[in-house]
Amino acid sequence: MSRLCLALVCLLISPATVSPEQPPKTVRIILSSDSNIYEEGLAGLRSALRSAPVETAYLNLMRAENQDLADYFQKIDAGGSRLVVAIGPAAAREALARLLRTPVRFSMVDAPRALRRLRPGRRLCGVAMN
């Protein structure tokens, strides 16, 4: 699990740093479901991102509360987040399909090559389970 956390932290660090005049944007972490293995990944990310504002959402709960998730993802794309980390295959598919401007990094996806069809011609970045 520590290699996973280290790999994701490396993915999260980007050359585009926040300027002193602007408050740091939120890093959103979307989990496919409330699973022990996903929770371990979340705990590792939170510990590595101590100084960054982090918001967490569970895709299965969001689907139960909202029939359409379009508004949620449109707000993120409108500038609500610096980055989205999708933990699990369902969260990765949903984020990659709906977010056009916000960078998405994925984790704990067993077949990441299948995600390419959601973003043809664009590079994907994440950590596979295999």
N, C-alpha and C. Protein backbone atom coordinates (compact mmCIF):
# COMPACT_ATOMS: atom_id res chain seq x y z
N MET A 1 0.83 -1.19 0.00
CA MET A 1 0.00 0.00 0.00
C MET A 1 0.87 1.26 0.00
N SER A 2 2.07 1.20 0.63
CA SER A 2 2.90 2.40 0.67
C SER A 2 3.39 2.79 -0.72
N ARG A 3 3.65 1.78 -1.59
CA ARG A 3 4.06 2.12 -2.96
C ARG A 3 2.93 2.82 -3.70
N LEU A 4 1.70 2.38 -3.44
CA LEU A 4 0.54 3.01 -4.07
C LEU A 4 0.45 4.47 -3.65
N CYS A 5 0.58 4.72 -2.36
CA CYS A 5 0.49 6.10 -1.86
C CYS A 5 1.59 6.97 -2.44
N LEU A 6 2.81 6.43 -2.49
CA LEU A 6 3.92 7.19 -3.04
C LEU A 6 3.69 7.48 -4.52
N ALA A 7 3.21 6.50 -5.26
CA ALA A 7 2.95 6.71 -6.68
C ALA A 7 1.88 7.76 -6.89
N LEU A 8 0.82 7.72 -6.10
CA LEU A 8 -0.25 8.71 -6.27
C LEU A 8 0.20 10.11 -5.86
N VAL A 9 1.00 10.20 -4.83
CA VAL A 9 1.51 11.52 -4.44
C VAL A 9 2.35 12.10 -5.56
N CYS A 10 3.17 11.27 -6.19
CA CYS A 10 3.98 11.74 -7.33
C CYS A 10 3.08 12.21 -8.46
N LEU A 11 1.97 11.52 -8.69
CA LEU A 11 1.04 11.94 -9.73
C LEU A 11 0.37 13.27 -9.39
N LEU A 12 0.16 13.50 -8.12
CA LEU A 12 -0.55 14.70 -7.70
C LEU A 12 0.31 15.95 -7.78
N ILE A 13 1.59 15.78 -7.63
CA ILE A 13 2.49 16.93 -7.66
C ILE A 13 2.69 17.34 -9.11
N SER A 14 2.31 18.56 -9.41
CA SER A 14 2.44 19.01 -10.80
C SER A 14 3.24 20.30 -10.83
N PRO A 15 3.81 20.63 -11.98
CA PRO A 15 4.58 21.87 -12.09
C PRO A 15 3.71 23.11 -11.94
N ALA A 16 2.43 23.00 -12.14
CA ALA A 16 1.54 24.15 -12.02
C ALA A 16 1.22 24.37 -10.56
N THR A 17 2.07 25.13 -9.89
CA THR A 17 1.83 25.39 -8.48
C THR A 17 0.89 26.56 -8.30
N VAL A 18 0.32 26.65 -7.15
CA VAL A 18 -0.63 27.72 -6.85
C VAL A 18 0.14 28.99 -6.54
N SER A 19 -0.30 30.11 -7.09
CA SER A 19 0.37 31.38 -6.83
C SER A 19 0.01 31.88 -5.44
N PRO A 20 0.86 32.71 -4.85
CA PRO A 20 0.59 33.21 -3.50
C PRO A 20 -0.70 34.03 -3.40
N GLU A 21 -1.14 34.63 -4.52
CA GLU A 21 -2.35 35.46 -4.48
C GLU A 21 -3.63 34.63 -4.47
N GLN A 22 -3.55 33.39 -4.94
CA GLN A 22 -4.74 32.56 -5.05
C GLN A 22 -4.75 31.49 -3.96
N PRO A 23 -5.92 31.26 -3.37
CA PRO A 23 -5.99 30.16 -2.40
C PRO A 23 -5.86 28.83 -3.15
N PRO A 24 -5.32 27.82 -2.49
CA PRO A 24 -5.16 26.54 -3.18
C PRO A 24 -6.52 25.93 -3.51
N LYS A 25 -6.59 25.34 -4.70
CA LYS A 25 -7.82 24.67 -5.10
C LYS A 25 -7.89 23.30 -4.44
N THR A 26 -9.09 22.81 -4.36
CA THR A 26 -9.36 21.54 -3.71
C THR A 26 -8.93 20.37 -4.59
N VAL A 27 -8.43 19.34 -3.94
CA VAL A 27 -8.22 18.06 -4.60
C VAL A 27 -9.42 17.21 -4.23
N ARG A 28 -10.15 16.75 -5.22
CA ARG A 28 -11.33 15.90 -4.96
C ARG A 28 -10.94 14.44 -5.13
N ILE A 29 -11.37 13.65 -4.17
CA ILE A 29 -11.15 12.22 -4.24
C ILE A 29 -12.52 11.57 -4.32
N ILE A 30 -12.75 10.83 -5.40
CA ILE A 30 -14.03 10.15 -5.59
C ILE A 30 -13.78 8.65 -5.51
N LEU A 31 -14.44 8.00 -4.57
CA LEU A 31 -14.32 6.56 -4.40
C LEU A 31 -15.51 5.88 -5.05
N SER A 32 -15.28 4.73 -5.68
CA SER A 32 -16.36 3.99 -6.31
C SER A 32 -17.41 3.58 -5.28
N SER A 33 -16.95 3.16 -4.12
CA SER A 33 -17.86 2.73 -3.06
C SER A 33 -17.14 2.77 -1.72
N ASP A 34 -17.88 2.49 -0.68
CA ASP A 34 -17.33 2.45 0.67
C ASP A 34 -16.76 1.05 0.92
N SER A 35 -15.53 0.84 0.47
CA SER A 35 -14.86 -0.46 0.56
C SER A 35 -13.61 -0.31 1.40
N ASN A 36 -13.25 -1.33 2.15
CA ASN A 36 -12.06 -1.26 3.01
C ASN A 36 -10.80 -0.97 2.21
N ILE A 37 -10.66 -1.60 1.06
CA ILE A 37 -9.45 -1.39 0.27
C ILE A 37 -9.39 0.04 -0.27
N TYR A 38 -10.52 0.58 -0.68
CA TYR A 38 -10.55 1.97 -1.14
C TYR A 38 -10.29 2.93 0.02
N GLU A 39 -10.79 2.59 1.19
CA GLU A 39 -10.56 3.43 2.37
C GLU A 39 -9.08 3.48 2.74
N GLU A 40 -8.37 2.36 2.55
CA GLU A 40 -6.93 2.36 2.81
C GLU A 40 -6.22 3.31 1.86
N GLY A 41 -6.59 3.26 0.60
CA GLY A 41 -6.01 4.20 -0.37
C GLY A 41 -6.33 5.64 -0.03
N LEU A 42 -7.56 5.89 0.40
CA LEU A 42 -7.96 7.23 0.80
C LEU A 42 -7.14 7.72 1.99
N ALA A 43 -6.94 6.86 2.97
CA ALA A 43 -6.15 7.25 4.15
C ALA A 43 -4.73 7.60 3.76
N GLY A 44 -4.15 6.84 2.86
CA GLY A 44 -2.80 7.14 2.40
C GLY A 44 -2.72 8.47 1.67
N LEU A 45 -3.69 8.73 0.82
CA LEU A 45 -3.72 10.01 0.10
C LEU A 45 -3.90 11.18 1.05
N ARG A 46 -4.82 11.03 1.99
CA ARG A 46 -5.05 12.13 2.95
C ARG A 46 -3.79 12.43 3.75
N SER A 47 -3.07 11.41 4.15
CA SER A 47 -1.85 11.65 4.94
C SER A 47 -0.78 12.33 4.10
N ALA A 48 -0.73 11.99 2.81
CA ALA A 48 0.26 12.61 1.92
C ALA A 48 -0.13 14.02 1.52
N LEU A 49 -1.41 14.34 1.55
CA LEU A 49 -1.91 15.65 1.13
C LEU A 49 -2.34 16.50 2.33
N ARG A 50 -1.63 16.40 3.39
CA ARG A 50 -2.01 17.12 4.62
C ARG A 50 -2.21 18.61 4.42
N SER A 51 -1.40 19.24 3.57
CA SER A 51 -1.49 20.69 3.43
C SER A 51 -2.48 21.13 2.36
N ALA A 52 -2.95 20.21 1.54
CA ALA A 52 -3.89 20.57 0.48
C ALA A 52 -5.32 20.35 0.94
N PRO A 53 -6.24 21.25 0.57
CA PRO A 53 -7.64 21.01 0.88
C PRO A 53 -8.16 19.82 0.07
N VAL A 54 -8.79 18.87 0.75
CA VAL A 54 -9.27 17.64 0.12
C VAL A 54 -10.76 17.48 0.40
N GLU A 55 -11.52 17.13 -0.64
CA GLU A 55 -12.93 16.79 -0.48
C GLU A 55 -13.12 15.37 -0.99
N THR A 56 -13.91 14.60 -0.26
CA THR A 56 -14.12 13.20 -0.59
C THR A 56 -15.59 12.96 -0.91
N ALA A 57 -15.84 12.13 -1.91
CA ALA A 57 -17.20 11.76 -2.28
C ALA A 57 -17.22 10.27 -2.63
N TYR A 58 -18.35 9.65 -2.38
CA TYR A 58 -18.55 8.24 -2.69
C TYR A 58 -19.55 8.15 -3.83
N LEU A 59 -19.11 7.58 -4.95
CA LEU A 59 -19.94 7.53 -6.14
C LEU A 59 -21.25 6.78 -5.90
N ASN A 60 -21.20 5.68 -5.19
CA ASN A 60 -22.43 4.91 -4.98
C ASN A 60 -23.45 5.71 -4.16
N LEU A 61 -23.00 6.50 -3.21
CA LEU A 61 -23.91 7.35 -2.42
C LEU A 61 -24.43 8.52 -3.25
N MET A 62 -23.57 9.09 -4.08
CA MET A 62 -24.00 10.19 -4.94
C MET A 62 -25.07 9.72 -5.91
N ARG A 63 -24.90 8.53 -6.45
CA ARG A 63 -25.91 7.99 -7.38
C ARG A 63 -27.24 7.74 -6.67
N ALA A 64 -27.18 7.31 -5.42
CA ALA A 64 -28.41 7.04 -4.67
C ALA A 64 -29.15 8.34 -4.36
N GLU A 65 -28.42 9.44 -4.16
CA GLU A 65 -29.02 10.72 -3.81
C GLU A 65 -29.43 11.55 -5.02
N ASN A 66 -28.76 11.35 -6.15
CA ASN A 66 -29.02 12.15 -7.36
C ASN A 66 -29.19 11.22 -8.54
N GLN A 67 -30.20 11.46 -9.32
CA GLN A 67 -30.38 10.63 -10.51
C GLN A 67 -29.37 10.98 -11.59
N ASP A 68 -28.99 12.24 -11.68
CA ASP A 68 -28.05 12.68 -12.69
C ASP A 68 -26.88 13.37 -12.00
N LEU A 69 -25.69 12.94 -12.28
CA LEU A 69 -24.49 13.51 -11.65
C LEU A 69 -23.87 14.63 -12.48
N ALA A 70 -24.52 15.02 -13.55
CA ALA A 70 -23.96 16.02 -14.46
C ALA A 70 -23.62 17.33 -13.75
N ASP A 71 -24.52 17.82 -12.89
CA ASP A 71 -24.26 19.09 -12.18
C ASP A 71 -23.01 19.01 -11.32
N TYR A 72 -22.85 17.91 -10.61
CA TYR A 72 -21.68 17.72 -9.74
C TYR A 72 -20.39 17.84 -10.55
N PHE A 73 -20.32 17.14 -11.66
CA PHE A 73 -19.11 17.15 -12.47
C PHE A 73 -18.95 18.47 -13.23
N GLN A 74 -20.02 19.13 -13.60
CA GLN A 74 -19.91 20.44 -14.26
C GLN A 74 -19.32 21.47 -13.31
N LYS A 75 -19.69 21.42 -12.04
CA LYS A 75 -19.11 22.35 -11.06
C LYS A 75 -17.62 22.11 -10.90
N ILE A 76 -17.21 20.87 -10.90
CA ILE A 76 -15.78 20.57 -10.82
C ILE A 76 -15.06 21.13 -12.04
N ASP A 77 -15.61 20.89 -13.22
CA ASP A 77 -14.99 21.39 -14.45
C ASP A 77 -14.99 22.92 -14.54
N ALA A 78 -15.92 23.55 -13.87
CA ALA A 78 -15.99 25.02 -13.90
C ALA A 78 -14.92 25.66 -13.02
N GLY A 79 -14.06 24.87 -12.42
CA GLY A 79 -12.97 25.44 -11.64
C GLY A 79 -13.03 25.12 -10.17
N GLY A 80 -13.83 24.17 -9.82
CA GLY A 80 -13.98 23.83 -8.41
C GLY A 80 -12.89 22.97 -7.83
N SER A 81 -12.04 22.41 -8.67
CA SER A 81 -10.99 21.52 -8.17
C SER A 81 -9.73 21.62 -9.01
N ARG A 82 -8.62 21.42 -8.35
CA ARG A 82 -7.32 21.40 -9.03
C ARG A 82 -7.12 20.06 -9.74
N LEU A 83 -7.67 19.01 -9.13
CA LEU A 83 -7.41 17.66 -9.60
C LEU A 83 -8.48 16.74 -9.03
N VAL A 84 -8.80 15.69 -9.75
CA VAL A 84 -9.70 14.65 -9.24
C VAL A 84 -8.93 13.34 -9.23
N VAL A 85 -8.96 12.67 -8.09
CA VAL A 85 -8.39 11.33 -7.97
C VAL A 85 -9.56 10.38 -7.85
N ALA A 86 -9.66 9.46 -8.79
CA ALA A 86 -10.75 8.48 -8.81
C ALA A 86 -10.20 7.15 -8.30
N ILE A 87 -10.79 6.66 -7.22
CA ILE A 87 -10.35 5.39 -6.65
C ILE A 87 -11.40 4.33 -6.97
N GLY A 88 -11.00 3.35 -7.77
CA GLY A 88 -11.90 2.29 -8.17
C GLY A 88 -12.37 2.49 -9.60
N PRO A 89 -12.77 1.41 -10.26
CA PRO A 89 -13.12 1.50 -11.68
C PRO A 89 -14.36 2.33 -11.98
N ALA A 90 -15.39 2.25 -11.16
CA ALA A 90 -16.62 3.01 -11.43
C ALA A 90 -16.35 4.51 -11.33
N ALA A 91 -15.61 4.92 -10.30
CA ALA A 91 -15.29 6.33 -10.13
C ALA A 91 -14.40 6.82 -11.27
N ALA A 92 -13.46 5.99 -11.70
CA ALA A 92 -12.57 6.37 -12.81
C ALA A 92 -13.37 6.55 -14.10
N ARG A 93 -14.24 5.61 -14.40
CA ARG A 93 -15.04 5.72 -15.63
C ARG A 93 -15.92 6.97 -15.61
N GLU A 94 -16.57 7.22 -14.50
CA GLU A 94 -17.48 8.37 -14.40
C GLU A 94 -16.70 9.69 -14.54
N ALA A 95 -15.59 9.81 -13.82
CA ALA A 95 -14.81 11.05 -13.87
C ALA A 95 -14.21 11.28 -15.25
N LEU A 96 -13.65 10.24 -15.84
CA LEU A 96 -13.03 10.40 -17.16
C LEU A 96 -14.07 10.70 -18.24
N ALA A 97 -15.25 10.16 -18.11
CA ALA A 97 -16.30 10.40 -19.11
C ALA A 97 -16.89 11.79 -19.00
N ARG A 98 -16.94 12.35 -17.80
CA ARG A 98 -17.66 13.61 -17.59
C ARG A 98 -16.77 14.84 -17.46
N LEU A 99 -15.55 14.68 -17.02
CA LEU A 99 -14.67 15.84 -16.81
C LEU A 99 -13.84 16.09 -18.06
N LEU A 100 -13.98 17.29 -18.61
CA LEU A 100 -13.26 17.62 -19.84
C LEU A 100 -12.05 18.50 -19.59
N ARG A 101 -12.09 19.34 -18.56
CA ARG A 101 -11.00 20.28 -18.30
C ARG A 101 -10.19 19.95 -17.05
N THR A 102 -10.76 19.26 -16.12
CA THR A 102 -10.09 18.96 -14.85
C THR A 102 -9.26 17.69 -15.00
N PRO A 103 -7.99 17.74 -14.58
CA PRO A 103 -7.15 16.54 -14.66
C PRO A 103 -7.71 15.43 -13.76
N VAL A 104 -7.70 14.21 -14.27
CA VAL A 104 -8.17 13.05 -13.51
C VAL A 104 -7.02 12.05 -13.41
N ARG A 105 -6.76 11.57 -12.20
CA ARG A 105 -5.81 10.49 -11.95
C ARG A 105 -6.60 9.35 -11.35
N PHE A 106 -6.29 8.14 -11.74
CA PHE A 106 -7.05 7.01 -11.23
C PHE A 106 -6.17 6.07 -10.43
N SER A 107 -6.81 5.27 -9.61
CA SER A 107 -6.13 4.28 -8.79
C SER A 107 -7.05 3.09 -8.58
N MET A 108 -6.44 1.93 -8.35
CA MET A 108 -7.16 0.71 -8.05
C MET A 108 -8.14 0.32 -9.16
N VAL A 109 -7.65 0.43 -10.39
CA VAL A 109 -8.42 0.04 -11.57
C VAL A 109 -7.73 -1.18 -12.15
N ASP A 110 -8.47 -2.26 -12.33
CA ASP A 110 -7.85 -3.50 -12.78
C ASP A 110 -7.59 -3.57 -14.28
N ALA A 111 -8.27 -2.82 -15.09
CA ALA A 111 -8.05 -2.82 -16.54
C ALA A 111 -8.00 -1.38 -17.06
N PRO A 112 -6.93 -0.66 -16.77
CA PRO A 112 -6.89 0.76 -17.15
C PRO A 112 -6.91 1.01 -18.65
N ARG A 113 -6.47 0.07 -19.45
CA ARG A 113 -6.48 0.28 -20.90
C ARG A 113 -7.90 0.45 -21.42
N ALA A 114 -8.86 -0.16 -20.75
CA ALA A 114 -10.26 -0.02 -21.16
C ALA A 114 -10.76 1.41 -20.99
N LEU A 115 -10.06 2.20 -20.16
CA LEU A 115 -10.47 3.58 -19.93
C LEU A 115 -10.12 4.49 -21.11
N ARG A 116 -9.23 4.06 -21.97
CA ARG A 116 -8.79 4.90 -23.10
C ARG A 116 -9.94 5.32 -24.00
N ARG A 117 -10.93 4.47 -24.13
CA ARG A 117 -12.05 4.81 -25.02
C ARG A 117 -12.85 6.00 -24.49
N LEU A 118 -12.71 6.31 -23.18
CA LEU A 118 -13.41 7.45 -22.61
C LEU A 118 -12.72 8.77 -22.94
N ARG A 119 -11.44 8.71 -23.23
CA ARG A 119 -10.66 9.90 -23.58
C ARG A 119 -9.76 9.59 -24.77
N PRO A 120 -10.36 9.37 -25.93
CA PRO A 120 -9.55 9.03 -27.10
C PRO A 120 -8.57 10.16 -27.44
N GLY A 121 -7.36 9.77 -27.72
CA GLY A 121 -6.36 10.75 -28.12
C GLY A 121 -5.73 11.52 -26.96
N ARG A 122 -6.18 11.28 -25.75
CA ARG A 122 -5.61 11.98 -24.60
C ARG A 122 -4.91 10.99 -23.70
N ARG A 123 -3.89 11.45 -23.04
CA ARG A 123 -3.12 10.57 -22.15
C ARG A 123 -3.87 10.36 -20.84
N LEU A 124 -3.81 9.16 -20.34
CA LEU A 124 -4.38 8.82 -19.04
C LEU A 124 -3.25 8.56 -18.07
N CYS A 125 -3.53 8.79 -16.81
CA CYS A 125 -2.49 8.61 -15.80
C CYS A 125 -3.11 8.01 -14.55
N GLY A 126 -2.47 6.98 -14.02
CA GLY A 126 -2.97 6.37 -12.81
C GLY A 126 -2.19 5.15 -12.42
N VAL A 127 -2.71 4.47 -11.41
CA VAL A 127 -2.05 3.28 -10.87
C VAL A 127 -3.03 2.11 -10.98
N ALA A 128 -2.59 1.07 -11.71
CA ALA A 128 -3.42 -0.11 -11.90
C ALA A 128 -3.29 -1.05 -10.71
N MET A 129 -4.21 -1.98 -10.59
CA MET A 129 -4.16 -2.95 -9.50
C MET A 129 -3.28 -4.13 -9.84
N ASN A 130 -3.00 -4.40 -11.10
CA ASN A 130 -2.23 -5.60 -11.44
C ASN A 130 -0.75 -5.36 -11.41
